[in-house]
Amino acid sequence: MIPDVWQGLFHGLSIALLPNNLFYCFCGALFGTRVGVLPGVGPLVTIALLLPFTFTLEPTSALIMMAGIYYGAQYGGSTTSILLNMPGETSSVITCLDGHAMAKQGRAGPALAIAALGSFFLPERWRPL
């Protein structure tokens, strides 16, 4: 018999992996990246700007979409830092140093990929690029 903790985890995953919730997560990440690219607009401001889009959704889908918005905006700040050497927020300053140097060497794609993986797996203050 599965303990209650694992049952709850599997139940949450079964809800989060529904096709409509994955669609809302994708849309949130896409819109979050587009707004997060703007200089001076961090993840929290992006969530505040895109919050009205979640009002008509059911609560689970809205939270999943806001998580996608947050991670998309976190990655969007890295994009301007790597390609234009302009940090959009304070956490992207170090990304300018390493990421833009890689972009000047013709390795912008790997720099953006490292930033994408770093913004997904690591907290904002521990990102490598």
N, C-alpha and C. Protein backbone atom coordinates (compact mmCIF):
# COMPACT_ATOMS: atom_id res chain seq x y z
N MET A 1 0.83 -1.17 0.00
CA MET A 1 0.00 0.00 0.00
C MET A 1 0.89 1.25 0.00
N ILE A 2 0.51 2.25 -0.78
CA ILE A 2 1.28 3.48 -0.91
C ILE A 2 0.95 4.42 0.25
N PRO A 3 1.97 5.00 0.88
CA PRO A 3 1.70 5.95 1.97
C PRO A 3 0.92 7.17 1.45
N ASP A 4 0.31 7.87 2.37
CA ASP A 4 -0.51 9.02 1.99
C ASP A 4 0.28 10.12 1.31
N VAL A 5 1.55 10.29 1.66
CA VAL A 5 2.36 11.33 1.05
C VAL A 5 2.54 11.05 -0.44
N TRP A 6 2.85 9.82 -0.78
CA TRP A 6 3.04 9.47 -2.19
C TRP A 6 1.72 9.53 -2.95
N GLN A 7 0.64 9.15 -2.31
CA GLN A 7 -0.67 9.26 -2.96
C GLN A 7 -0.99 10.70 -3.29
N GLY A 8 -0.72 11.60 -2.35
CA GLY A 8 -0.96 13.01 -2.59
C GLY A 8 -0.08 13.56 -3.70
N LEU A 9 1.18 13.12 -3.73
CA LEU A 9 2.10 13.57 -4.78
C LEU A 9 1.64 13.10 -6.15
N PHE A 10 1.26 11.84 -6.25
CA PHE A 10 0.80 11.32 -7.54
C PHE A 10 -0.52 11.95 -7.97
N HIS A 11 -1.38 12.26 -7.00
CA HIS A 11 -2.64 12.93 -7.34
C HIS A 11 -2.36 14.34 -7.86
N GLY A 12 -1.43 15.06 -7.22
CA GLY A 12 -1.08 16.39 -7.70
C GLY A 12 -0.45 16.37 -9.07
N LEU A 13 0.42 15.39 -9.32
CA LEU A 13 1.02 15.27 -10.65
C LEU A 13 -0.01 14.92 -11.72
N SER A 14 -0.98 14.09 -11.35
CA SER A 14 -2.01 13.73 -12.34
C SER A 14 -2.85 14.95 -12.70
N ILE A 15 -3.05 15.86 -11.78
CA ILE A 15 -3.79 17.09 -12.09
C ILE A 15 -2.91 18.06 -12.87
N ALA A 16 -1.65 18.19 -12.47
CA ALA A 16 -0.76 19.14 -13.15
C ALA A 16 -0.45 18.72 -14.57
N LEU A 17 -0.48 17.43 -14.86
CA LEU A 17 -0.12 16.95 -16.20
C LEU A 17 -1.33 16.79 -17.12
N LEU A 18 -2.46 17.35 -16.75
CA LEU A 18 -3.61 17.35 -17.65
C LEU A 18 -3.28 18.24 -18.85
N PRO A 19 -3.80 17.91 -20.03
CA PRO A 19 -3.44 18.70 -21.23
C PRO A 19 -3.79 20.18 -21.11
N ASN A 20 -4.91 20.53 -20.52
CA ASN A 20 -5.25 21.95 -20.44
C ASN A 20 -4.31 22.68 -19.48
N ASN A 21 -3.88 22.03 -18.39
CA ASN A 21 -2.94 22.67 -17.48
C ASN A 21 -1.56 22.82 -18.10
N LEU A 22 -1.13 21.85 -18.90
CA LEU A 22 0.14 21.99 -19.62
C LEU A 22 0.07 23.11 -20.65
N PHE A 23 -1.10 23.27 -21.27
CA PHE A 23 -1.29 24.37 -22.23
C PHE A 23 -1.18 25.71 -21.53
N TYR A 24 -1.81 25.85 -20.35
CA TYR A 24 -1.73 27.11 -19.61
C TYR A 24 -0.31 27.37 -19.13
N CYS A 25 0.43 26.35 -18.77
CA CYS A 25 1.83 26.52 -18.37
C CYS A 25 2.67 27.00 -19.56
N PHE A 26 2.43 26.41 -20.72
CA PHE A 26 3.16 26.82 -21.92
C PHE A 26 2.84 28.27 -22.28
N CYS A 27 1.55 28.62 -22.25
CA CYS A 27 1.15 30.00 -22.56
C CYS A 27 1.75 30.98 -21.55
N GLY A 28 1.75 30.62 -20.26
CA GLY A 28 2.33 31.48 -19.25
C GLY A 28 3.82 31.68 -19.46
N ALA A 29 4.53 30.61 -19.80
CA ALA A 29 5.97 30.73 -20.06
C ALA A 29 6.23 31.57 -21.29
N LEU A 30 5.41 31.42 -22.32
CA LEU A 30 5.58 32.20 -23.54
C LEU A 30 5.34 33.68 -23.29
N PHE A 31 4.21 34.01 -22.66
CA PHE A 31 3.90 35.41 -22.37
C PHE A 31 4.88 35.99 -21.35
N GLY A 32 5.27 35.19 -20.37
CA GLY A 32 6.24 35.67 -19.38
C GLY A 32 7.58 35.99 -20.00
N THR A 33 8.00 35.18 -20.96
CA THR A 33 9.27 35.45 -21.64
C THR A 33 9.17 36.72 -22.47
N ARG A 34 8.05 36.91 -23.15
CA ARG A 34 7.89 38.10 -23.98
C ARG A 34 7.86 39.38 -23.15
N VAL A 35 7.22 39.35 -22.00
CA VAL A 35 7.18 40.54 -21.15
C VAL A 35 8.48 40.67 -20.36
N GLY A 36 9.07 39.57 -19.95
CA GLY A 36 10.30 39.59 -19.16
C GLY A 36 11.51 40.10 -19.92
N VAL A 37 11.44 40.13 -21.25
CA VAL A 37 12.54 40.65 -22.06
C VAL A 37 12.66 42.17 -21.91
N LEU A 38 11.58 42.83 -21.57
CA LEU A 38 11.61 44.28 -21.44
C LEU A 38 12.54 44.69 -20.30
N PRO A 39 13.40 45.66 -20.53
CA PRO A 39 14.33 46.08 -19.48
C PRO A 39 13.59 46.66 -18.27
N GLY A 40 14.00 46.27 -17.09
CA GLY A 40 13.41 46.78 -15.86
C GLY A 40 12.19 46.02 -15.39
N VAL A 41 11.75 45.04 -16.16
CA VAL A 41 10.57 44.27 -15.79
C VAL A 41 11.03 42.89 -15.34
N GLY A 42 10.97 42.64 -14.05
CA GLY A 42 11.38 41.37 -13.49
C GLY A 42 10.22 40.40 -13.41
N PRO A 43 10.46 39.23 -12.82
CA PRO A 43 9.41 38.22 -12.72
C PRO A 43 8.19 38.66 -11.91
N LEU A 44 8.40 39.38 -10.82
CA LEU A 44 7.26 39.79 -10.00
C LEU A 44 6.40 40.83 -10.69
N VAL A 45 7.04 41.77 -11.40
CA VAL A 45 6.27 42.77 -12.15
C VAL A 45 5.53 42.10 -13.30
N THR A 46 6.14 41.11 -13.91
CA THR A 46 5.48 40.39 -15.01
C THR A 46 4.25 39.65 -14.51
N ILE A 47 4.35 39.02 -13.34
CA ILE A 47 3.18 38.36 -12.78
C ILE A 47 2.09 39.38 -12.49
N ALA A 48 2.47 40.55 -11.95
CA ALA A 48 1.48 41.58 -11.66
C ALA A 48 0.81 42.09 -12.93
N LEU A 49 1.58 42.21 -14.02
CA LEU A 49 1.00 42.68 -15.27
C LEU A 49 0.08 41.65 -15.92
N LEU A 50 0.44 40.39 -15.84
CA LEU A 50 -0.33 39.34 -16.51
C LEU A 50 -1.34 38.65 -15.59
N LEU A 51 -1.48 39.12 -14.37
CA LEU A 51 -2.44 38.53 -13.43
C LEU A 51 -3.88 38.56 -13.94
N PRO A 52 -4.34 39.61 -14.60
CA PRO A 52 -5.74 39.60 -15.06
C PRO A 52 -6.08 38.47 -16.03
N PHE A 53 -5.09 37.91 -16.70
CA PHE A 53 -5.36 36.80 -17.62
C PHE A 53 -5.76 35.52 -16.89
N THR A 54 -5.48 35.46 -15.60
CA THR A 54 -5.78 34.25 -14.84
C THR A 54 -7.10 34.34 -14.07
N PHE A 55 -7.79 35.47 -14.15
CA PHE A 55 -9.01 35.65 -13.36
C PHE A 55 -10.13 34.70 -13.77
N THR A 56 -10.24 34.36 -15.03
CA THR A 56 -11.34 33.52 -15.50
C THR A 56 -11.02 32.03 -15.41
N LEU A 57 -9.80 31.70 -15.05
CA LEU A 57 -9.41 30.29 -14.98
C LEU A 57 -9.78 29.70 -13.64
N GLU A 58 -9.84 28.38 -13.59
CA GLU A 58 -10.02 27.74 -12.29
C GLU A 58 -8.72 27.86 -11.50
N PRO A 59 -8.77 27.77 -10.18
CA PRO A 59 -7.59 28.08 -9.36
C PRO A 59 -6.34 27.27 -9.69
N THR A 60 -6.49 25.98 -9.94
CA THR A 60 -5.31 25.16 -10.23
C THR A 60 -4.64 25.60 -11.53
N SER A 61 -5.43 25.83 -12.56
CA SER A 61 -4.88 26.27 -13.84
C SER A 61 -4.26 27.66 -13.71
N ALA A 62 -4.87 28.53 -12.91
CA ALA A 62 -4.32 29.88 -12.74
C ALA A 62 -2.97 29.84 -12.04
N LEU A 63 -2.82 29.00 -11.01
CA LEU A 63 -1.53 28.89 -10.32
C LEU A 63 -0.46 28.30 -11.23
N ILE A 64 -0.85 27.33 -12.04
CA ILE A 64 0.10 26.72 -12.97
C ILE A 64 0.53 27.75 -14.02
N MET A 65 -0.42 28.56 -14.49
CA MET A 65 -0.08 29.59 -15.47
C MET A 65 0.82 30.66 -14.85
N MET A 66 0.56 31.03 -13.59
CA MET A 66 1.43 32.02 -12.94
C MET A 66 2.84 31.47 -12.72
N ALA A 67 2.97 30.19 -12.45
CA ALA A 67 4.30 29.59 -12.33
C ALA A 67 5.02 29.65 -13.67
N GLY A 68 4.31 29.37 -14.76
CA GLY A 68 4.90 29.49 -16.10
C GLY A 68 5.30 30.92 -16.41
N ILE A 69 4.48 31.88 -16.00
CA ILE A 69 4.80 33.30 -16.20
C ILE A 69 6.07 33.65 -15.44
N TYR A 70 6.19 33.19 -14.21
CA TYR A 70 7.37 33.50 -13.39
C TYR A 70 8.65 32.96 -14.03
N TYR A 71 8.63 31.70 -14.42
CA TYR A 71 9.83 31.10 -15.00
C TYR A 71 10.14 31.68 -16.37
N GLY A 72 9.11 32.01 -17.14
CA GLY A 72 9.35 32.64 -18.43
C GLY A 72 9.96 34.02 -18.27
N ALA A 73 9.46 34.79 -17.32
CA ALA A 73 10.01 36.13 -17.09
C ALA A 73 11.43 36.06 -16.55
N GLN A 74 11.70 35.06 -15.74
CA GLN A 74 13.05 34.89 -15.20
C GLN A 74 14.03 34.60 -16.35
N TYR A 75 13.60 33.83 -17.33
CA TYR A 75 14.45 33.55 -18.48
C TYR A 75 14.52 34.76 -19.41
N GLY A 76 13.45 35.52 -19.53
CA GLY A 76 13.43 36.68 -20.41
C GLY A 76 14.45 37.73 -20.01
N GLY A 77 14.68 37.90 -18.72
CA GLY A 77 15.70 38.83 -18.26
C GLY A 77 17.10 38.40 -18.67
N SER A 78 17.31 37.11 -18.79
CA SER A 78 18.62 36.61 -19.23
C SER A 78 18.84 36.86 -20.72
N THR A 79 17.78 36.89 -21.49
CA THR A 79 17.91 37.07 -22.94
C THR A 79 18.52 38.42 -23.28
N THR A 80 18.01 39.50 -22.69
CA THR A 80 18.58 40.81 -22.98
C THR A 80 19.99 40.94 -22.41
N SER A 81 20.26 40.27 -21.31
CA SER A 81 21.61 40.33 -20.74
C SER A 81 22.63 39.66 -21.64
N ILE A 82 22.25 38.54 -22.22
CA ILE A 82 23.19 37.79 -23.05
C ILE A 82 23.36 38.45 -24.42
N LEU A 83 22.26 38.81 -25.06
CA LEU A 83 22.34 39.29 -26.43
C LEU A 83 22.70 40.77 -26.54
N LEU A 84 22.22 41.60 -25.62
CA LEU A 84 22.43 43.05 -25.74
C LEU A 84 23.34 43.64 -24.67
N ASN A 85 23.76 42.83 -23.71
CA ASN A 85 24.58 43.29 -22.59
C ASN A 85 23.87 44.38 -21.78
N MET A 86 22.56 44.24 -21.65
CA MET A 86 21.74 45.18 -20.87
C MET A 86 20.94 44.39 -19.84
N PRO A 87 21.35 44.43 -18.57
CA PRO A 87 20.58 43.68 -17.57
C PRO A 87 19.23 44.36 -17.34
N GLY A 88 18.17 43.60 -17.43
CA GLY A 88 16.85 44.14 -17.19
C GLY A 88 16.51 44.20 -15.72
N GLU A 89 17.23 43.47 -14.90
CA GLU A 89 17.00 43.43 -13.46
C GLU A 89 18.32 43.17 -12.77
N THR A 90 18.33 43.32 -11.46
CA THR A 90 19.59 43.20 -10.73
C THR A 90 20.16 41.78 -10.77
N SER A 91 19.31 40.78 -10.86
CA SER A 91 19.82 39.41 -10.86
C SER A 91 20.45 39.02 -12.20
N SER A 92 20.32 39.86 -13.21
CA SER A 92 20.88 39.54 -14.53
C SER A 92 22.21 40.24 -14.79
N VAL A 93 22.75 40.92 -13.80
CA VAL A 93 24.01 41.65 -14.01
C VAL A 93 25.16 40.68 -14.27
N ILE A 94 25.26 39.62 -13.51
CA ILE A 94 26.34 38.65 -13.70
C ILE A 94 26.16 37.92 -15.02
N THR A 95 24.91 37.75 -15.44
CA THR A 95 24.67 37.11 -16.73
C THR A 95 25.26 37.94 -17.86
N CYS A 96 25.27 39.26 -17.70
CA CYS A 96 25.89 40.12 -18.72
C CYS A 96 27.37 39.82 -18.87
N LEU A 97 28.04 39.59 -17.77
CA LEU A 97 29.49 39.38 -17.83
C LEU A 97 29.84 38.11 -18.59
N ASP A 98 29.25 36.99 -18.19
CA ASP A 98 29.60 35.72 -18.81
C ASP A 98 28.84 35.47 -20.10
N GLY A 99 27.54 35.75 -20.08
CA GLY A 99 26.70 35.44 -21.24
C GLY A 99 27.02 36.28 -22.45
N HIS A 100 27.24 37.58 -22.25
CA HIS A 100 27.55 38.43 -23.40
C HIS A 100 28.94 38.12 -23.96
N ALA A 101 29.85 37.72 -23.10
CA ALA A 101 31.18 37.31 -23.59
C ALA A 101 31.06 36.07 -24.46
N MET A 102 30.19 35.15 -24.07
CA MET A 102 29.96 33.96 -24.91
C MET A 102 29.28 34.35 -26.22
N ALA A 103 28.36 35.31 -26.18
CA ALA A 103 27.66 35.74 -27.40
C ALA A 103 28.64 36.42 -28.36
N LYS A 104 29.60 37.17 -27.83
CA LYS A 104 30.59 37.81 -28.70
C LYS A 104 31.52 36.79 -29.35
N GLN A 105 31.66 35.63 -28.74
CA GLN A 105 32.47 34.56 -29.32
C GLN A 105 31.66 33.70 -30.29
N GLY A 106 30.40 34.05 -30.51
CA GLY A 106 29.55 33.27 -31.42
C GLY A 106 28.85 32.11 -30.75
N ARG A 107 28.79 32.11 -29.43
CA ARG A 107 28.17 31.01 -28.70
C ARG A 107 26.94 31.50 -27.93
N ALA A 108 26.10 32.31 -28.59
CA ALA A 108 24.91 32.85 -27.93
C ALA A 108 23.89 31.74 -27.66
N GLY A 109 23.78 30.77 -28.56
CA GLY A 109 22.84 29.67 -28.38
C GLY A 109 23.12 28.86 -27.12
N PRO A 110 24.37 28.39 -26.94
CA PRO A 110 24.66 27.68 -25.69
C PRO A 110 24.48 28.56 -24.44
N ALA A 111 24.78 29.84 -24.55
CA ALA A 111 24.60 30.73 -23.39
C ALA A 111 23.12 30.84 -23.03
N LEU A 112 22.27 30.97 -24.04
CA LEU A 112 20.82 31.04 -23.78
C LEU A 112 20.30 29.72 -23.25
N ALA A 113 20.84 28.61 -23.73
CA ALA A 113 20.41 27.29 -23.23
C ALA A 113 20.82 27.11 -21.77
N ILE A 114 22.02 27.52 -21.42
CA ILE A 114 22.47 27.42 -20.02
C ILE A 114 21.60 28.30 -19.14
N ALA A 115 21.26 29.50 -19.63
CA ALA A 115 20.41 30.39 -18.84
C ALA A 115 19.00 29.82 -18.69
N ALA A 116 18.50 29.16 -19.72
CA ALA A 116 17.17 28.55 -19.63
C ALA A 116 17.16 27.42 -18.61
N LEU A 117 18.16 26.57 -18.67
CA LEU A 117 18.23 25.48 -17.69
C LEU A 117 18.47 26.01 -16.29
N GLY A 118 19.31 27.02 -16.19
CA GLY A 118 19.58 27.60 -14.89
C GLY A 118 18.37 28.28 -14.28
N SER A 119 17.57 28.96 -15.11
CA SER A 119 16.38 29.62 -14.58
C SER A 119 15.30 28.62 -14.20
N PHE A 120 15.35 27.43 -14.76
CA PHE A 120 14.35 26.42 -14.41
C PHE A 120 14.76 25.64 -13.16
N PHE A 121 16.02 25.23 -13.08
CA PHE A 121 16.46 24.34 -12.01
C PHE A 121 17.00 25.07 -10.78
N LEU A 122 17.57 26.25 -10.95
CA LEU A 122 18.21 26.93 -9.83
C LEU A 122 17.41 28.15 -9.41
N PRO A 123 17.48 28.51 -8.13
CA PRO A 123 16.87 29.75 -7.70
C PRO A 123 17.54 30.94 -8.38
N GLU A 124 16.88 32.07 -8.35
CA GLU A 124 17.34 33.24 -9.09
C GLU A 124 18.73 33.70 -8.68
N ARG A 125 19.08 33.59 -7.43
CA ARG A 125 20.37 34.11 -6.98
C ARG A 125 21.52 33.13 -7.25
N TRP A 126 21.27 31.91 -7.72
CA TRP A 126 22.32 30.95 -7.95
C TRP A 126 22.53 30.65 -9.43
N ARG A 127 21.98 31.43 -10.32
CA ARG A 127 22.09 31.12 -11.74
C ARG A 127 23.52 31.26 -12.21
N PRO A 128 24.00 30.31 -13.03
CA PRO A 128 25.39 30.37 -13.48
C PRO A 128 25.63 31.46 -14.50
N LEU A 129 24.67 31.76 -15.35
CA LEU A 129 24.86 32.81 -16.37
C LEU A 129 23.87 33.90 -16.16
